[in-house]
Amino acid sequence: VVAVSLATRSDSPSGPPLSAEGARGKELAVTYGCTGCHGRSGEGVTGPAWQGLYGSTVALVDGSSVVADRAYLTESIVNPNAKQVRGFGAMPGESIPDADVQSIVQYIVELATPAAS
């Protein structure tokens, strides 16, 4: 019962339930300063919103578009200048360990698909 409760905990009553990895990703997003631009709950501020991002089509500055799947999200964190989102400035690059990147990606996935695994 405890494991189930931890796996589906929500940071706030209105937020989606997060897995343990999603909750870790949310904490890491704060630690690495991602929330300064993407919002404390992924709502977007000066950077694109993370809520509903996973699986959506993203318009890029070069006129192309891409589906925001795990590969795109990972690439955007690791190499932020690879595919810049239209309407937003360049994201600062920061060296984030792979495991932390994957936890942040999981958090973004769960903002679009609650209880995703």
N, C-alpha and C. Protein backbone atom coordinates (compact mmCIF):
# COMPACT_ATOMS: atom_id res chain seq x y z
N VAL A 1 0.82 -1.20 0.00
CA VAL A 1 0.00 0.00 0.00
C VAL A 1 0.86 1.26 0.00
N VAL A 2 1.93 1.25 0.79
CA VAL A 2 2.82 2.41 0.83
C VAL A 2 3.45 2.65 -0.53
N ALA A 3 3.91 1.61 -1.20
CA ALA A 3 4.54 1.77 -2.51
C ALA A 3 3.57 2.35 -3.52
N VAL A 4 2.31 1.93 -3.48
CA VAL A 4 1.31 2.48 -4.39
C VAL A 4 1.07 3.95 -4.09
N SER A 5 1.01 4.31 -2.85
CA SER A 5 0.79 5.70 -2.48
C SER A 5 1.94 6.58 -2.94
N LEU A 6 3.17 6.13 -2.76
CA LEU A 6 4.31 6.91 -3.19
C LEU A 6 4.39 7.02 -4.70
N ALA A 7 4.00 5.98 -5.40
CA ALA A 7 4.10 5.98 -6.86
C ALA A 7 3.09 6.90 -7.51
N THR A 8 2.03 7.26 -6.79
CA THR A 8 1.00 8.10 -7.40
C THR A 8 0.79 9.40 -6.64
N ARG A 9 1.78 9.81 -5.89
CA ARG A 9 1.61 11.04 -5.11
C ARG A 9 1.55 12.26 -6.02
N SER A 10 0.91 13.29 -5.56
CA SER A 10 0.80 14.52 -6.32
C SER A 10 1.42 15.63 -5.49
N ASP A 11 2.14 16.52 -6.14
CA ASP A 11 2.79 17.63 -5.44
C ASP A 11 1.76 18.61 -4.91
N SER A 12 0.68 18.78 -5.62
CA SER A 12 -0.39 19.66 -5.18
C SER A 12 -1.71 19.00 -5.51
N PRO A 13 -2.78 19.40 -4.82
CA PRO A 13 -4.07 18.77 -5.07
C PRO A 13 -4.52 18.90 -6.52
N SER A 14 -4.14 19.97 -7.21
CA SER A 14 -4.58 20.16 -8.58
C SER A 14 -3.61 19.59 -9.60
N GLY A 15 -2.43 19.16 -9.18
CA GLY A 15 -1.44 18.62 -10.11
C GLY A 15 -1.71 17.16 -10.41
N PRO A 16 -1.09 16.67 -11.48
CA PRO A 16 -1.28 15.25 -11.80
C PRO A 16 -0.55 14.37 -10.81
N PRO A 17 -1.02 13.14 -10.63
CA PRO A 17 -0.26 12.21 -9.80
C PRO A 17 1.07 11.91 -10.49
N LEU A 18 2.12 11.84 -9.72
CA LEU A 18 3.45 11.60 -10.28
C LEU A 18 4.03 10.30 -9.76
N SER A 19 4.71 9.59 -10.64
CA SER A 19 5.46 8.41 -10.21
C SER A 19 6.65 8.90 -9.38
N ALA A 20 7.37 7.98 -8.77
CA ALA A 20 8.56 8.37 -8.00
C ALA A 20 9.57 9.07 -8.91
N GLU A 21 9.76 8.55 -10.14
CA GLU A 21 10.71 9.18 -11.06
C GLU A 21 10.20 10.54 -11.53
N GLY A 22 8.90 10.66 -11.76
CA GLY A 22 8.33 11.96 -12.16
C GLY A 22 8.49 13.00 -11.05
N ALA A 23 8.27 12.58 -9.81
CA ALA A 23 8.45 13.50 -8.68
C ALA A 23 9.91 13.91 -8.55
N ARG A 24 10.83 12.96 -8.78
CA ARG A 24 12.26 13.29 -8.76
C ARG A 24 12.58 14.28 -9.87
N GLY A 25 11.99 14.08 -11.05
CA GLY A 25 12.19 14.99 -12.16
C GLY A 25 11.71 16.38 -11.85
N LYS A 26 10.59 16.48 -11.16
CA LYS A 26 10.07 17.80 -10.77
C LYS A 26 11.05 18.49 -9.82
N GLU A 27 11.57 17.74 -8.86
CA GLU A 27 12.54 18.31 -7.92
C GLU A 27 13.82 18.74 -8.65
N LEU A 28 14.27 17.92 -9.59
CA LEU A 28 15.47 18.25 -10.35
C LEU A 28 15.25 19.48 -11.23
N ALA A 29 14.05 19.65 -11.75
CA ALA A 29 13.74 20.83 -12.57
C ALA A 29 13.91 22.10 -11.74
N VAL A 30 13.57 22.02 -10.47
CA VAL A 30 13.79 23.15 -9.56
C VAL A 30 15.28 23.32 -9.31
N THR A 31 15.97 22.23 -8.99
CA THR A 31 17.40 22.26 -8.69
C THR A 31 18.22 22.86 -9.83
N TYR A 32 17.91 22.46 -11.06
CA TYR A 32 18.67 22.94 -12.22
C TYR A 32 18.17 24.27 -12.75
N GLY A 33 17.14 24.84 -12.14
CA GLY A 33 16.66 26.16 -12.55
C GLY A 33 15.71 26.14 -13.74
N CYS A 34 15.27 24.98 -14.17
CA CYS A 34 14.37 24.87 -15.32
C CYS A 34 13.05 25.61 -15.07
N THR A 35 12.61 25.59 -13.82
CA THR A 35 11.32 26.18 -13.49
C THR A 35 11.32 27.70 -13.60
N GLY A 36 12.50 28.31 -13.65
CA GLY A 36 12.57 29.75 -13.81
C GLY A 36 11.95 30.20 -15.13
N CYS A 37 12.06 29.37 -16.16
CA CYS A 37 11.50 29.70 -17.47
C CYS A 37 10.27 28.86 -17.82
N HIS A 38 10.25 27.60 -17.37
CA HIS A 38 9.15 26.71 -17.74
C HIS A 38 8.04 26.67 -16.71
N GLY A 39 8.19 27.39 -15.61
CA GLY A 39 7.16 27.45 -14.58
C GLY A 39 7.32 26.38 -13.53
N ARG A 40 6.95 26.71 -12.33
CA ARG A 40 7.11 25.79 -11.19
C ARG A 40 6.35 24.49 -11.40
N SER A 41 5.22 24.56 -12.08
CA SER A 41 4.42 23.37 -12.35
C SER A 41 4.35 23.08 -13.84
N GLY A 42 5.32 23.60 -14.59
CA GLY A 42 5.37 23.34 -16.02
C GLY A 42 4.38 24.13 -16.84
N GLU A 43 3.87 25.23 -16.26
CA GLU A 43 2.83 26.01 -16.94
C GLU A 43 3.38 26.97 -17.99
N GLY A 44 4.69 27.12 -18.02
CA GLY A 44 5.32 28.04 -18.98
C GLY A 44 5.38 29.45 -18.43
N VAL A 45 6.45 30.14 -18.71
CA VAL A 45 6.63 31.54 -18.32
C VAL A 45 7.32 32.19 -19.51
N THR A 46 8.63 32.32 -19.45
CA THR A 46 9.37 32.84 -20.60
C THR A 46 9.83 31.70 -21.51
N GLY A 47 9.64 30.47 -21.07
CA GLY A 47 9.94 29.28 -21.87
C GLY A 47 8.64 28.54 -22.15
N PRO A 48 8.66 27.62 -23.10
CA PRO A 48 7.45 26.87 -23.44
C PRO A 48 6.89 26.10 -22.24
N ALA A 49 5.58 25.97 -22.20
CA ALA A 49 4.92 25.19 -21.15
C ALA A 49 5.25 23.72 -21.32
N TRP A 50 5.42 23.03 -20.22
CA TRP A 50 5.62 21.58 -20.23
C TRP A 50 4.29 20.85 -20.11
N GLN A 51 3.28 21.50 -19.54
CA GLN A 51 1.98 20.87 -19.40
C GLN A 51 1.41 20.59 -20.78
N GLY A 52 1.13 19.34 -21.06
CA GLY A 52 0.58 18.95 -22.34
C GLY A 52 1.59 18.91 -23.47
N LEU A 53 2.85 19.14 -23.19
CA LEU A 53 3.87 19.17 -24.24
C LEU A 53 4.12 17.79 -24.85
N TYR A 54 4.29 16.78 -24.01
CA TYR A 54 4.63 15.45 -24.50
C TYR A 54 3.56 14.96 -25.48
N GLY A 55 4.01 14.55 -26.66
CA GLY A 55 3.10 14.03 -27.69
C GLY A 55 2.53 15.10 -28.60
N SER A 56 2.75 16.36 -28.27
CA SER A 56 2.23 17.45 -29.11
C SER A 56 3.21 17.76 -30.24
N THR A 57 2.73 18.52 -31.21
CA THR A 57 3.58 18.97 -32.30
C THR A 57 4.11 20.35 -31.94
N VAL A 58 5.42 20.52 -32.07
CA VAL A 58 6.10 21.75 -31.69
C VAL A 58 6.60 22.46 -32.95
N ALA A 59 6.25 23.74 -33.10
CA ALA A 59 6.73 24.54 -34.23
C ALA A 59 8.12 25.09 -33.90
N LEU A 60 9.03 24.96 -34.84
CA LEU A 60 10.41 25.39 -34.64
C LEU A 60 10.71 26.66 -35.42
N VAL A 61 11.76 27.37 -35.03
CA VAL A 61 12.12 28.64 -35.67
C VAL A 61 12.46 28.49 -37.14
N ASP A 62 12.93 27.31 -37.56
CA ASP A 62 13.29 27.12 -38.96
C ASP A 62 12.08 26.81 -39.85
N GLY A 63 10.88 26.84 -39.27
CA GLY A 63 9.65 26.58 -40.03
C GLY A 63 9.22 25.14 -40.03
N SER A 64 10.04 24.26 -39.53
CA SER A 64 9.67 22.85 -39.44
C SER A 64 8.93 22.60 -38.13
N SER A 65 8.50 21.38 -37.94
CA SER A 65 7.86 21.01 -36.68
C SER A 65 8.33 19.62 -36.28
N VAL A 66 8.15 19.30 -35.04
CA VAL A 66 8.59 18.02 -34.50
C VAL A 66 7.59 17.58 -33.43
N VAL A 67 7.41 16.28 -33.30
CA VAL A 67 6.57 15.75 -32.23
C VAL A 67 7.42 15.69 -30.97
N ALA A 68 6.89 16.18 -29.88
CA ALA A 68 7.62 16.20 -28.61
C ALA A 68 7.55 14.82 -27.96
N ASP A 69 8.38 13.91 -28.47
CA ASP A 69 8.49 12.59 -27.87
C ASP A 69 9.69 12.57 -26.92
N ARG A 70 9.97 11.43 -26.34
CA ARG A 70 11.08 11.35 -25.39
C ARG A 70 12.41 11.73 -26.02
N ALA A 71 12.63 11.32 -27.26
CA ALA A 71 13.90 11.64 -27.93
C ALA A 71 14.04 13.15 -28.11
N TYR A 72 12.98 13.82 -28.54
CA TYR A 72 13.03 15.28 -28.71
C TYR A 72 13.25 15.98 -27.37
N LEU A 73 12.54 15.56 -26.34
CA LEU A 73 12.68 16.20 -25.03
C LEU A 73 14.10 16.02 -24.50
N THR A 74 14.64 14.81 -24.65
CA THR A 74 16.00 14.55 -24.20
C THR A 74 16.98 15.43 -24.97
N GLU A 75 16.86 15.46 -26.28
CA GLU A 75 17.75 16.28 -27.11
C GLU A 75 17.65 17.76 -26.72
N SER A 76 16.45 18.22 -26.45
CA SER A 76 16.26 19.64 -26.11
C SER A 76 16.93 20.02 -24.80
N ILE A 77 17.00 19.08 -23.88
CA ILE A 77 17.67 19.35 -22.61
C ILE A 77 19.19 19.25 -22.77
N VAL A 78 19.64 18.23 -23.47
CA VAL A 78 21.08 17.97 -23.64
C VAL A 78 21.72 18.97 -24.61
N ASN A 79 21.03 19.29 -25.69
CA ASN A 79 21.54 20.21 -26.71
C ASN A 79 20.44 21.20 -27.08
N PRO A 80 20.22 22.21 -26.23
CA PRO A 80 19.08 23.11 -26.40
C PRO A 80 19.04 23.88 -27.71
N ASN A 81 20.16 24.01 -28.39
CA ASN A 81 20.16 24.75 -29.65
C ASN A 81 19.89 23.88 -30.87
N ALA A 82 19.70 22.58 -30.68
CA ALA A 82 19.49 21.67 -31.80
C ALA A 82 18.19 21.98 -32.54
N LYS A 83 17.12 22.23 -31.81
CA LYS A 83 15.81 22.52 -32.39
C LYS A 83 15.14 23.57 -31.51
N GLN A 84 15.22 24.82 -31.93
CA GLN A 84 14.69 25.91 -31.11
C GLN A 84 13.21 26.12 -31.39
N VAL A 85 12.43 26.26 -30.34
CA VAL A 85 10.98 26.44 -30.43
C VAL A 85 10.66 27.86 -30.90
N ARG A 86 9.77 27.94 -31.88
CA ARG A 86 9.35 29.24 -32.40
C ARG A 86 8.68 30.06 -31.28
N GLY A 87 9.04 31.33 -31.22
CA GLY A 87 8.43 32.23 -30.25
C GLY A 87 9.15 32.33 -28.92
N PHE A 88 10.23 31.57 -28.77
CA PHE A 88 10.98 31.57 -27.52
C PHE A 88 12.46 31.74 -27.82
N GLY A 89 13.18 32.37 -26.89
CA GLY A 89 14.62 32.54 -27.03
C GLY A 89 15.34 31.22 -26.80
N ALA A 90 16.63 31.26 -27.01
CA ALA A 90 17.45 30.07 -26.82
C ALA A 90 17.51 29.68 -25.34
N MET A 91 17.46 28.41 -25.09
CA MET A 91 17.56 27.90 -23.73
C MET A 91 19.04 27.81 -23.37
N PRO A 92 19.39 28.21 -22.15
CA PRO A 92 20.80 28.09 -21.75
C PRO A 92 21.19 26.61 -21.65
N GLY A 93 22.39 26.32 -22.06
CA GLY A 93 22.88 24.95 -21.96
C GLY A 93 23.47 24.69 -20.59
N GLU A 94 23.24 23.52 -20.07
CA GLU A 94 23.81 23.14 -18.78
C GLU A 94 24.11 21.66 -18.84
N SER A 95 25.20 21.27 -18.26
CA SER A 95 25.56 19.86 -18.23
C SER A 95 24.76 19.18 -17.13
N ILE A 96 23.83 18.33 -17.55
CA ILE A 96 22.97 17.60 -16.61
C ILE A 96 23.23 16.11 -16.82
N PRO A 97 23.51 15.37 -15.76
CA PRO A 97 23.74 13.94 -15.90
C PRO A 97 22.56 13.23 -16.58
N ASP A 98 22.87 12.20 -17.37
CA ASP A 98 21.84 11.48 -18.13
C ASP A 98 20.67 11.00 -17.27
N ALA A 99 20.95 10.46 -16.11
CA ALA A 99 19.87 9.95 -15.25
C ALA A 99 18.94 11.09 -14.83
N ASP A 100 19.51 12.26 -14.55
CA ASP A 100 18.69 13.41 -14.18
C ASP A 100 17.87 13.90 -15.36
N VAL A 101 18.47 13.89 -16.56
CA VAL A 101 17.73 14.28 -17.77
C VAL A 101 16.52 13.37 -17.94
N GLN A 102 16.73 12.07 -17.77
CA GLN A 102 15.62 11.13 -17.96
C GLN A 102 14.52 11.33 -16.92
N SER A 103 14.87 11.70 -15.71
CA SER A 103 13.86 11.98 -14.69
C SER A 103 13.07 13.24 -15.04
N ILE A 104 13.75 14.26 -15.53
CA ILE A 104 13.06 15.49 -15.95
C ILE A 104 12.14 15.19 -17.12
N VAL A 105 12.61 14.39 -18.07
CA VAL A 105 11.77 13.99 -19.21
C VAL A 105 10.54 13.23 -18.69
N GLN A 106 10.72 12.34 -17.74
CA GLN A 106 9.58 11.60 -17.19
C GLN A 106 8.57 12.56 -16.56
N TYR A 107 9.04 13.56 -15.86
CA TYR A 107 8.15 14.57 -15.28
C TYR A 107 7.35 15.26 -16.39
N ILE A 108 8.01 15.65 -17.47
CA ILE A 108 7.32 16.31 -18.58
C ILE A 108 6.28 15.37 -19.20
N VAL A 109 6.64 14.11 -19.36
CA VAL A 109 5.70 13.10 -19.88
C VAL A 109 4.48 13.04 -18.98
N GLU A 110 4.70 12.98 -17.69
CA GLU A 110 3.58 12.84 -16.75
C GLU A 110 2.71 14.09 -16.66
N LEU A 111 3.25 15.24 -17.01
CA LEU A 111 2.41 16.45 -17.06
C LEU A 111 1.39 16.35 -18.19
N ALA A 112 1.69 15.57 -19.22
CA ALA A 112 0.78 15.39 -20.34
C ALA A 112 -0.06 14.12 -20.19
N THR A 113 0.50 13.13 -19.54
CA THR A 113 -0.16 11.84 -19.41
C THR A 113 -0.05 11.37 -17.97
N PRO A 114 -0.91 11.85 -17.08
CA PRO A 114 -0.83 11.48 -15.66
C PRO A 114 -0.77 9.97 -15.47
N ALA A 115 0.06 9.58 -14.51
CA ALA A 115 0.29 8.19 -14.13
C ALA A 115 1.00 7.40 -15.22
N ALA A 116 1.71 8.10 -16.12
CA ALA A 116 2.48 7.41 -17.15
C ALA A 116 3.64 6.68 -16.50
N SER A 117 4.10 5.66 -17.17
CA SER A 117 5.25 4.94 -16.60
C SER A 117 6.39 4.93 -17.56
